[in-house]
Amino acid sequence: MAKIQQKPRMTTMNISIPEELKDFVESQVATGQYADVSDYMRDVIRKRQEAVNRLRALIDEGDASPDSPYTIDEIIAQARERYLSRAG
């Protein structure tokens, strides 16, 4: 039997933002991609949460990896060389 997924219970949060950010949010809603300001803000927060989770996973992966035999200066120099060779 399929399990019916319930919508999460909503709560209210009031925020203060500058007029220019308010105008931007309203312009995003006006595109029709979002039902209202709350829908837009939920999407922004959800995307930020996903980005933070990805960053935490990368940090954990780095912590679990073996130490590099190179110094930070050597790593930066190697990255700079790769960048310059591609920018060519």
Foldseek 3Di string as FASTA:
>chain_A
DDDDDDDDDDDDDDDDDDPVVVVVLVVVVVVVPAVDSVRVVVVVVVVVVVVVVVVVVVVVVVVPDDDDPDDPVVVVVVVVVVVVVVVD
